[in-house]
Amino acid sequence: MLAGTTAVGLVALGAVGVAAPGPLGKAYGIEPRGAGESAYVRALGARDIAAGATLLSTLEARSGPALRGTVLSLTIIALGDFTIVATLRGWAAARNLAVHASGAALMIAIWAILRAEA
């Protein structure tokens, strides 16, 4: 259930990034000020749509090992985003860093729950 909700959330979040990169970029810690930065945030949105769709597909396949592997792999996205924002803005972006750290923590929690259920 939690994995499915997270997957739908990723798809919705990604759709917002593609349609309106300004608000999502700000939440991510990258405020798009030009066409290049807006394109980057739109690419992140597309990535999140793909990540959510992958998670939904894996969930539908009902393969515990594949689902756990997918969830653990998606943790890399949140950790990568955290690293990028930390490198660009440092701890001045603590709120944005908390968003990315929370995403990684959520994925690890989902992985742990799925592992416990196996």
N, C-alpha and C. Protein backbone atom coordinates (compact mmCIF):
# COMPACT_ATOMS: atom_id res chain seq x y z
N MET A 1 0.82 -1.20 0.00
CA MET A 1 0.00 0.00 0.00
C MET A 1 0.87 1.27 0.00
N LEU A 2 1.85 1.30 0.89
CA LEU A 2 2.73 2.46 0.98
C LEU A 2 3.54 2.63 -0.31
N ALA A 3 3.98 1.52 -0.88
CA ALA A 3 4.74 1.59 -2.13
C ALA A 3 3.87 2.14 -3.26
N GLY A 4 2.62 1.71 -3.31
CA GLY A 4 1.71 2.20 -4.35
C GLY A 4 1.40 3.67 -4.21
N THR A 5 1.18 4.11 -2.98
CA THR A 5 0.92 5.52 -2.72
C THR A 5 2.13 6.36 -3.10
N THR A 6 3.31 5.86 -2.76
CA THR A 6 4.55 6.57 -3.10
C THR A 6 4.71 6.65 -4.61
N ALA A 7 4.40 5.57 -5.32
CA ALA A 7 4.51 5.56 -6.78
C ALA A 7 3.59 6.59 -7.40
N VAL A 8 2.35 6.63 -6.96
CA VAL A 8 1.40 7.61 -7.49
C VAL A 8 1.87 9.03 -7.16
N GLY A 9 2.39 9.21 -5.96
CA GLY A 9 2.93 10.51 -5.57
C GLY A 9 4.07 10.95 -6.45
N LEU A 10 4.96 10.02 -6.80
CA LEU A 10 6.08 10.35 -7.68
C LEU A 10 5.59 10.78 -9.06
N VAL A 11 4.61 10.05 -9.59
CA VAL A 11 4.06 10.40 -10.91
C VAL A 11 3.41 11.79 -10.85
N ALA A 12 2.65 12.06 -9.80
CA ALA A 12 1.99 13.37 -9.67
C ALA A 12 3.02 14.48 -9.50
N LEU A 13 4.01 14.25 -8.67
CA LEU A 13 5.07 15.24 -8.46
C LEU A 13 5.80 15.52 -9.76
N GLY A 14 6.11 14.47 -10.49
CA GLY A 14 6.79 14.63 -11.77
C GLY A 14 5.95 15.41 -12.77
N ALA A 15 4.65 15.16 -12.78
CA ALA A 15 3.76 15.87 -13.70
C ALA A 15 3.76 17.37 -13.38
N VAL A 16 3.79 17.71 -12.10
CA VAL A 16 3.86 19.12 -11.71
C VAL A 16 5.17 19.72 -12.22
N GLY A 17 6.27 18.98 -12.09
CA GLY A 17 7.57 19.48 -12.54
C GLY A 17 7.61 19.73 -14.04
N VAL A 18 6.98 18.87 -14.79
CA VAL A 18 6.95 19.04 -16.24
C VAL A 18 6.06 20.23 -16.61
N ALA A 19 4.91 20.33 -15.96
CA ALA A 19 3.94 21.38 -16.30
C ALA A 19 4.32 22.74 -15.72
N ALA A 20 4.87 22.75 -14.51
CA ALA A 20 5.16 24.02 -13.82
C ALA A 20 6.50 23.89 -13.08
N PRO A 21 7.59 24.05 -13.80
CA PRO A 21 8.90 23.82 -13.17
C PRO A 21 9.26 24.79 -12.05
N GLY A 22 8.66 25.97 -12.04
CA GLY A 22 8.99 26.96 -11.01
C GLY A 22 8.72 26.47 -9.60
N PRO A 23 7.46 26.12 -9.28
CA PRO A 23 7.17 25.69 -7.91
C PRO A 23 7.92 24.42 -7.51
N LEU A 24 8.01 23.45 -8.41
CA LEU A 24 8.71 22.21 -8.05
C LEU A 24 10.20 22.46 -7.90
N GLY A 25 10.76 23.27 -8.77
CA GLY A 25 12.17 23.59 -8.65
C GLY A 25 12.48 24.23 -7.32
N LYS A 26 11.61 25.12 -6.90
CA LYS A 26 11.80 25.79 -5.61
C LYS A 26 11.77 24.76 -4.47
N ALA A 27 10.83 23.84 -4.53
CA ALA A 27 10.74 22.80 -3.50
C ALA A 27 11.97 21.89 -3.53
N TYR A 28 12.48 21.63 -4.73
CA TYR A 28 13.67 20.77 -4.87
C TYR A 28 14.94 21.48 -4.42
N GLY A 29 14.89 22.82 -4.38
CA GLY A 29 16.08 23.58 -4.01
C GLY A 29 16.82 24.15 -5.19
N ILE A 30 16.17 24.11 -6.37
CA ILE A 30 16.76 24.65 -7.59
C ILE A 30 15.73 25.57 -8.22
N GLU A 31 15.85 26.86 -7.96
CA GLU A 31 14.88 27.80 -8.51
C GLU A 31 15.23 28.11 -9.96
N PRO A 32 14.37 27.69 -10.90
CA PRO A 32 14.67 27.95 -12.31
C PRO A 32 14.54 29.43 -12.65
N ARG A 33 15.65 30.02 -13.08
CA ARG A 33 15.65 31.44 -13.43
C ARG A 33 15.78 31.66 -14.93
N GLY A 34 15.99 30.60 -15.66
CA GLY A 34 16.13 30.73 -17.10
C GLY A 34 15.64 29.47 -17.79
N ALA A 35 15.71 29.49 -19.10
CA ALA A 35 15.22 28.35 -19.88
C ALA A 35 15.98 27.07 -19.57
N GLY A 36 17.30 27.17 -19.38
CA GLY A 36 18.10 25.98 -19.09
C GLY A 36 17.74 25.36 -17.75
N GLU A 37 17.56 26.20 -16.74
CA GLU A 37 17.20 25.69 -15.43
C GLU A 37 15.78 25.12 -15.43
N SER A 38 14.87 25.76 -16.17
CA SER A 38 13.51 25.22 -16.28
C SER A 38 13.53 23.87 -16.98
N ALA A 39 14.35 23.74 -18.00
CA ALA A 39 14.46 22.47 -18.70
C ALA A 39 15.01 21.39 -17.77
N TYR A 40 15.96 21.75 -16.92
CA TYR A 40 16.53 20.80 -15.97
C TYR A 40 15.45 20.31 -15.00
N VAL A 41 14.64 21.22 -14.48
CA VAL A 41 13.57 20.83 -13.56
C VAL A 41 12.53 19.97 -14.29
N ARG A 42 12.24 20.32 -15.53
CA ARG A 42 11.30 19.48 -16.31
C ARG A 42 11.87 18.07 -16.50
N ALA A 43 13.17 17.98 -16.71
CA ALA A 43 13.81 16.66 -16.83
C ALA A 43 13.69 15.89 -15.52
N LEU A 44 13.86 16.58 -14.40
CA LEU A 44 13.68 15.93 -13.10
C LEU A 44 12.24 15.44 -12.95
N GLY A 45 11.29 16.24 -13.43
CA GLY A 45 9.89 15.83 -13.38
C GLY A 45 9.65 14.57 -14.21
N ALA A 46 10.22 14.55 -15.41
CA ALA A 46 10.09 13.36 -16.25
C ALA A 46 10.73 12.14 -15.59
N ARG A 47 11.87 12.36 -14.93
CA ARG A 47 12.54 11.28 -14.21
C ARG A 47 11.64 10.74 -13.09
N ASP A 48 10.97 11.65 -12.38
CA ASP A 48 10.10 11.21 -11.29
C ASP A 48 8.87 10.46 -11.82
N ILE A 49 8.36 10.89 -12.97
CA ILE A 49 7.25 10.15 -13.59
C ILE A 49 7.72 8.73 -13.93
N ALA A 50 8.89 8.63 -14.52
CA ALA A 50 9.42 7.30 -14.88
C ALA A 50 9.67 6.46 -13.64
N ALA A 51 10.18 7.07 -12.58
CA ALA A 51 10.45 6.33 -11.34
C ALA A 51 9.14 5.81 -10.74
N GLY A 52 8.12 6.65 -10.71
CA GLY A 52 6.83 6.22 -10.19
C GLY A 52 6.20 5.14 -11.03
N ALA A 53 6.30 5.28 -12.36
CA ALA A 53 5.75 4.26 -13.26
C ALA A 53 6.49 2.94 -13.10
N THR A 54 7.80 3.00 -12.92
CA THR A 54 8.59 1.78 -12.71
C THR A 54 8.16 1.10 -11.41
N LEU A 55 7.99 1.89 -10.37
CA LEU A 55 7.56 1.33 -9.09
C LEU A 55 6.17 0.70 -9.21
N LEU A 56 5.26 1.39 -9.91
CA LEU A 56 3.92 0.82 -10.12
C LEU A 56 3.97 -0.49 -10.92
N SER A 57 4.78 -0.52 -11.96
CA SER A 57 4.91 -1.73 -12.78
C SER A 57 5.48 -2.88 -11.97
N THR A 58 6.49 -2.59 -11.17
CA THR A 58 7.10 -3.63 -10.36
C THR A 58 6.13 -4.11 -9.29
N LEU A 59 5.37 -3.20 -8.74
CA LEU A 59 4.36 -3.57 -7.75
C LEU A 59 3.31 -4.48 -8.38
N GLU A 60 2.90 -4.14 -9.59
CA GLU A 60 1.90 -4.94 -10.31
C GLU A 60 2.42 -6.34 -10.62
N ALA A 61 3.71 -6.47 -10.85
CA ALA A 61 4.30 -7.78 -11.18
C ALA A 61 4.29 -8.73 -9.98
N ARG A 62 4.10 -8.18 -8.80
CA ARG A 62 4.01 -8.97 -7.57
C ARG A 62 5.23 -9.85 -7.32
N SER A 63 6.39 -9.31 -7.64
CA SER A 63 7.65 -10.00 -7.38
C SER A 63 8.35 -9.29 -6.23
N GLY A 64 8.34 -9.92 -5.07
CA GLY A 64 8.94 -9.32 -3.89
C GLY A 64 10.38 -8.88 -4.08
N PRO A 65 11.25 -9.77 -4.60
CA PRO A 65 12.64 -9.36 -4.78
C PRO A 65 12.80 -8.20 -5.76
N ALA A 66 12.03 -8.20 -6.84
CA ALA A 66 12.12 -7.11 -7.82
C ALA A 66 11.61 -5.81 -7.21
N LEU A 67 10.54 -5.89 -6.44
CA LEU A 67 9.99 -4.69 -5.81
C LEU A 67 10.97 -4.11 -4.80
N ARG A 68 11.56 -4.97 -3.97
CA ARG A 68 12.54 -4.49 -2.99
C ARG A 68 13.74 -3.88 -3.70
N GLY A 69 14.19 -4.49 -4.78
CA GLY A 69 15.31 -3.94 -5.54
C GLY A 69 14.99 -2.60 -6.16
N THR A 70 13.78 -2.47 -6.69
CA THR A 70 13.36 -1.21 -7.29
C THR A 70 13.30 -0.11 -6.24
N VAL A 71 12.69 -0.40 -5.11
CA VAL A 71 12.58 0.60 -4.04
C VAL A 71 13.96 1.03 -3.56
N LEU A 72 14.84 0.08 -3.37
CA LEU A 72 16.19 0.42 -2.92
C LEU A 72 16.92 1.24 -3.98
N SER A 73 16.72 0.90 -5.24
CA SER A 73 17.35 1.66 -6.33
C SER A 73 16.82 3.09 -6.39
N LEU A 74 15.54 3.27 -6.12
CA LEU A 74 14.96 4.62 -6.16
C LEU A 74 15.49 5.49 -5.03
N THR A 75 16.02 4.87 -4.00
CA THR A 75 16.65 5.64 -2.91
C THR A 75 17.81 6.46 -3.46
N ILE A 76 18.47 5.94 -4.47
CA ILE A 76 19.62 6.63 -5.08
C ILE A 76 19.19 7.99 -5.65
N ILE A 77 17.99 8.08 -6.17
CA ILE A 77 17.50 9.35 -6.72
C ILE A 77 17.46 10.40 -5.61
N ALA A 78 16.84 10.06 -4.49
CA ALA A 78 16.73 11.03 -3.40
C ALA A 78 18.11 11.40 -2.85
N LEU A 79 18.99 10.43 -2.72
CA LEU A 79 20.34 10.71 -2.23
C LEU A 79 21.12 11.57 -3.23
N GLY A 80 20.92 11.31 -4.51
CA GLY A 80 21.57 12.13 -5.54
C GLY A 80 21.07 13.55 -5.51
N ASP A 81 19.75 13.72 -5.39
CA ASP A 81 19.18 15.06 -5.30
C ASP A 81 19.72 15.80 -4.07
N PHE A 82 19.80 15.09 -2.96
CA PHE A 82 20.35 15.68 -1.73
C PHE A 82 21.77 16.17 -1.97
N THR A 83 22.58 15.33 -2.60
CA THR A 83 23.98 15.68 -2.86
C THR A 83 24.10 16.89 -3.78
N ILE A 84 23.29 16.93 -4.83
CA ILE A 84 23.32 18.05 -5.76
C ILE A 84 22.96 19.36 -5.06
N VAL A 85 21.88 19.35 -4.31
CA VAL A 85 21.45 20.58 -3.62
C VAL A 85 22.47 20.97 -2.54
N ALA A 86 22.99 20.01 -1.82
CA ALA A 86 24.00 20.31 -0.79
C ALA A 86 25.24 20.92 -1.42
N THR A 87 25.64 20.41 -2.57
CA THR A 87 26.82 20.93 -3.26
C THR A 87 26.58 22.35 -3.77
N LEU A 88 25.40 22.58 -4.33
CA LEU A 88 25.08 23.90 -4.90
C LEU A 88 24.79 24.95 -3.85
N ARG A 89 24.07 24.58 -2.80
CA ARG A 89 23.56 25.59 -1.87
C ARG A 89 23.98 25.38 -0.42
N GLY A 90 24.54 24.23 -0.10
CA GLY A 90 24.98 23.97 1.27
C GLY A 90 23.82 23.91 2.24
N TRP A 91 24.15 24.07 3.50
CA TRP A 91 23.14 23.96 4.56
C TRP A 91 22.17 25.13 4.57
N ALA A 92 22.43 26.15 3.76
CA ALA A 92 21.47 27.25 3.64
C ALA A 92 20.15 26.73 3.07
N ALA A 93 20.21 25.60 2.40
CA ALA A 93 19.02 24.98 1.81
C ALA A 93 18.52 23.83 2.68
N ALA A 94 18.60 24.00 3.99
CA ALA A 94 18.25 22.92 4.92
C ALA A 94 16.84 22.38 4.68
N ARG A 95 15.89 23.25 4.39
CA ARG A 95 14.52 22.79 4.14
C ARG A 95 14.45 21.88 2.92
N ASN A 96 15.15 22.27 1.86
CA ASN A 96 15.17 21.46 0.65
C ASN A 96 15.92 20.15 0.89
N LEU A 97 16.99 20.23 1.64
CA LEU A 97 17.75 19.02 1.96
C LEU A 97 16.88 18.05 2.77
N ALA A 98 16.05 18.59 3.65
CA ALA A 98 15.16 17.75 4.44
C ALA A 98 14.15 17.03 3.54
N VAL A 99 13.69 17.70 2.49
CA VAL A 99 12.76 17.06 1.55
C VAL A 99 13.43 15.84 0.92
N HIS A 100 14.66 16.00 0.45
CA HIS A 100 15.36 14.90 -0.21
C HIS A 100 15.74 13.80 0.77
N ALA A 101 16.17 14.18 1.97
CA ALA A 101 16.50 13.19 3.00
C ALA A 101 15.26 12.40 3.40
N SER A 102 14.12 13.09 3.48
CA SER A 102 12.87 12.40 3.82
C SER A 102 12.47 11.41 2.73
N GLY A 103 12.69 11.79 1.48
CA GLY A 103 12.41 10.87 0.38
C GLY A 103 13.25 9.61 0.47
N ALA A 104 14.53 9.77 0.77
CA ALA A 104 15.41 8.61 0.93
C ALA A 104 14.97 7.77 2.12
N ALA A 105 14.63 8.41 3.22
CA ALA A 105 14.18 7.69 4.42
C ALA A 105 12.89 6.92 4.14
N LEU A 106 11.98 7.52 3.38
CA LEU A 106 10.74 6.84 3.02
C LEU A 106 11.03 5.59 2.21
N MET A 107 11.90 5.70 1.22
CA MET A 107 12.23 4.54 0.39
C MET A 107 12.88 3.43 1.22
N ILE A 108 13.76 3.81 2.12
CA ILE A 108 14.41 2.80 2.97
C ILE A 108 13.38 2.16 3.90
N ALA A 109 12.44 2.95 4.41
CA ALA A 109 11.39 2.40 5.27
C ALA A 109 10.51 1.42 4.49
N ILE A 110 10.14 1.79 3.27
CA ILE A 110 9.34 0.89 2.44
C ILE A 110 10.10 -0.40 2.18
N TRP A 111 11.39 -0.28 1.86
CA TRP A 111 12.22 -1.46 1.62
C TRP A 111 12.24 -2.35 2.86
N ALA A 112 12.41 -1.76 4.04
CA ALA A 112 12.47 -2.53 5.29
C ALA A 112 11.14 -3.25 5.56
N ILE A 113 10.03 -2.56 5.30
CA ILE A 113 8.72 -3.19 5.49
C ILE A 113 8.56 -4.36 4.53
N LEU A 114 8.92 -4.15 3.26
CA LEU A 114 8.79 -5.23 2.29
C LEU A 114 9.69 -6.41 2.64
N ARG A 115 10.88 -6.10 3.13
CA ARG A 115 11.81 -7.17 3.52
C ARG A 115 11.26 -7.96 4.72
N ALA A 116 10.66 -7.26 5.67
CA ALA A 116 10.09 -7.92 6.84
C ALA A 116 8.91 -8.81 6.46
N GLU A 117 8.19 -8.40 5.41
CA GLU A 117 7.03 -9.18 4.96
C GLU A 117 7.43 -10.40 4.13
N ALA A 118 8.67 -10.43 3.66
CA ALA A 118 9.12 -11.52 2.77
C ALA A 118 9.25 -12.84 3.52
